[in-house]
Amino acid sequence: MTPERAPPRAFDPRLAAVGALVMGGVVFAINHHHGPQAALVAALKQAAYTFVAGGVIIGLCRTLSVSRLPAPLAVAAATTLPAALSTLLTLLVHLARGTPEPLMSTLPTALIVPPSCLGIALLHRRRARG
């Protein structure tokens, strides 16, 4: 008999903090040639956004990965939906507040989030099976 597993959390503060540090650093590096103030503002926006939205998006990924859908469909949904949402929201944040390089600042999200979501989805789907 396997113990009951708790449902996935809607927010993951640990992964949110890691993501905020990584993505804030990447965005600072991308924008540093525009001056330290512009790069710092862009990096802080990215870090704050990643902490809040990223923590929720990882929760969405976990929830979708353990849904009642067949495993391949659940993993596909848990990878593509959160990744697309994250990329779109990241672009909107950078466009709305005048980031010097909004597309280049969004590119790391578009490249890092899909494989991250895939790994998280596979891990949680495997754990849910017991």
Protein backbone atom coordinates (compact mmCIF):
# COMPACT_ATOMS: atom_id res chain seq x y z
CA MET A 1 0.00 0.00 0.00
CA THR A 2 1.41 3.39 -1.01
CA PRO A 3 0.89 6.49 1.12
CA GLU A 4 -1.35 9.28 -0.17
CA ARG A 5 0.59 11.90 -2.06
CA ALA A 6 -0.14 15.54 -1.39
CA PRO A 7 -1.42 17.53 -4.35
CA PRO A 8 1.14 19.78 -6.03
CA ARG A 9 1.57 23.22 -4.52
CA ALA A 10 0.30 26.18 -6.51
CA PHE A 11 3.54 28.09 -5.81
CA ASP A 12 7.09 26.77 -5.50
CA PRO A 13 9.19 29.34 -3.59
CA ARG A 14 12.45 27.38 -3.83
CA LEU A 15 12.38 27.01 -7.62
CA ALA A 16 11.00 30.54 -7.91
CA ALA A 17 14.04 31.95 -6.07
CA VAL A 18 16.50 29.92 -8.14
CA GLY A 19 14.79 31.01 -11.35
CA ALA A 20 14.77 34.65 -10.24
CA LEU A 21 18.51 34.65 -9.60
CA VAL A 22 19.37 32.87 -12.84
CA MET A 23 17.06 34.86 -15.11
CA GLY A 24 17.88 38.19 -13.44
CA GLY A 25 21.57 37.54 -14.03
CA VAL A 26 21.02 36.56 -17.66
CA VAL A 27 18.95 39.67 -18.37
CA PHE A 28 21.56 41.87 -16.68
CA ALA A 29 24.25 40.38 -18.91
CA ILE A 30 22.14 40.88 -22.04
CA ASN A 31 21.46 44.53 -21.25
CA HIS A 32 24.78 45.57 -19.62
CA HIS A 33 26.01 47.42 -22.70
CA HIS A 34 23.10 49.87 -22.29
CA GLY A 35 24.61 51.00 -18.99
CA PRO A 36 24.49 49.60 -15.47
CA GLN A 37 21.26 51.39 -14.50
CA ALA A 38 19.27 50.11 -17.52
CA ALA A 39 20.71 46.61 -17.07
CA LEU A 40 19.92 46.59 -13.35
CA VAL A 41 16.34 47.77 -13.89
CA ALA A 42 15.79 45.09 -16.56
CA ALA A 43 17.37 42.42 -14.33
CA LEU A 44 15.30 43.38 -11.28
CA LYS A 45 12.10 43.34 -13.35
CA GLN A 46 12.99 39.91 -14.66
CA ALA A 47 13.92 38.59 -11.22
CA ALA A 48 10.72 39.90 -9.60
CA TYR A 49 8.58 38.58 -12.44
CA THR A 50 10.34 35.21 -12.40
CA PHE A 51 9.90 34.82 -8.66
CA VAL A 52 6.17 35.55 -8.69
CA ALA A 53 5.03 34.25 -12.07
CA GLY A 54 7.66 31.54 -12.31
CA GLY A 55 6.62 30.03 -9.00
CA VAL A 56 3.00 29.90 -10.16
CA ILE A 57 3.92 28.60 -13.61
CA ILE A 58 5.93 25.76 -12.05
CA GLY A 59 2.86 24.96 -9.93
CA LEU A 60 0.79 24.84 -13.14
CA CYS A 61 3.36 22.54 -14.71
CA ARG A 62 3.22 20.19 -11.71
CA THR A 63 -0.58 20.21 -11.62
CA LEU A 64 -0.90 19.43 -15.33
CA SER A 65 1.73 16.71 -15.15
CA VAL A 66 -0.22 14.69 -12.59
CA SER A 67 -3.65 15.28 -14.12
CA ARG A 68 -5.92 12.41 -15.15
CA LEU A 69 -4.90 12.82 -18.77
CA PRO A 70 -2.95 9.99 -20.40
CA ALA A 71 0.73 10.35 -19.49
CA PRO A 72 2.00 11.57 -22.89
CA LEU A 73 -0.75 14.19 -23.14
CA ALA A 74 -0.30 15.32 -19.53
CA VAL A 75 3.46 15.74 -19.99
CA ALA A 76 2.96 17.58 -23.30
CA ALA A 77 0.41 19.94 -21.72
CA ALA A 78 2.62 20.45 -18.65
CA THR A 79 5.50 21.39 -20.93
CA THR A 80 3.92 23.53 -23.64
CA LEU A 81 1.21 25.49 -21.81
CA PRO A 82 3.35 26.84 -18.94
CA ALA A 83 6.29 27.50 -21.29
CA ALA A 84 4.15 29.45 -23.77
CA LEU A 85 2.48 31.41 -20.97
CA SER A 86 5.82 32.20 -19.35
CA THR A 87 7.39 33.38 -22.60
CA LEU A 88 4.44 35.57 -23.52
CA LEU A 89 4.23 37.16 -20.07
CA THR A 90 7.99 37.77 -20.01
CA LEU A 91 7.84 39.54 -23.35
CA LEU A 92 4.91 41.68 -22.20
CA VAL A 93 6.76 42.72 -19.03
CA HIS A 94 9.80 43.81 -21.02
CA LEU A 95 7.74 45.59 -23.70
CA ALA A 96 5.60 47.39 -21.15
CA ARG A 97 8.45 48.90 -19.20
CA GLY A 98 10.98 49.80 -21.90
CA THR A 99 13.65 47.14 -21.50
CA PRO A 100 16.44 48.10 -23.94
CA GLU A 101 16.53 44.60 -25.52
CA PRO A 102 13.04 43.11 -24.98
CA LEU A 103 13.32 40.27 -27.50
CA MET A 104 16.83 39.30 -26.40
CA SER A 105 15.69 39.55 -22.77
CA THR A 106 12.82 37.17 -23.53
CA LEU A 107 14.91 34.65 -25.47
CA PRO A 108 16.42 32.99 -22.36
CA THR A 109 12.91 32.31 -21.05
CA ALA A 110 11.90 30.79 -24.39
CA LEU A 111 15.00 28.57 -24.34
CA ILE A 112 15.21 27.61 -20.65
CA VAL A 113 11.57 27.16 -19.61
CA PRO A 114 10.42 24.42 -22.04
CA PRO A 115 13.12 21.88 -21.11
CA SER A 116 12.74 22.85 -17.44
CA CYS A 117 8.99 22.23 -17.59
CA LEU A 118 9.58 18.94 -19.41
CA GLY A 119 11.95 17.76 -16.68
CA ILE A 120 9.60 18.86 -13.89
CA ALA A 121 6.61 17.24 -15.65
CA LEU A 122 8.41 13.92 -16.12
CA LEU A 123 9.66 13.92 -12.54
CA HIS A 124 6.25 14.62 -11.03
CA ARG A 125 4.44 12.22 -13.34
CA ARG A 126 6.88 9.48 -12.33
CA ARG A 127 6.49 10.33 -8.62
CA ALA A 128 2.69 10.32 -8.95
CA ARG A 129 2.75 6.75 -10.27
CA GLY A 130 4.37 5.71 -7.04
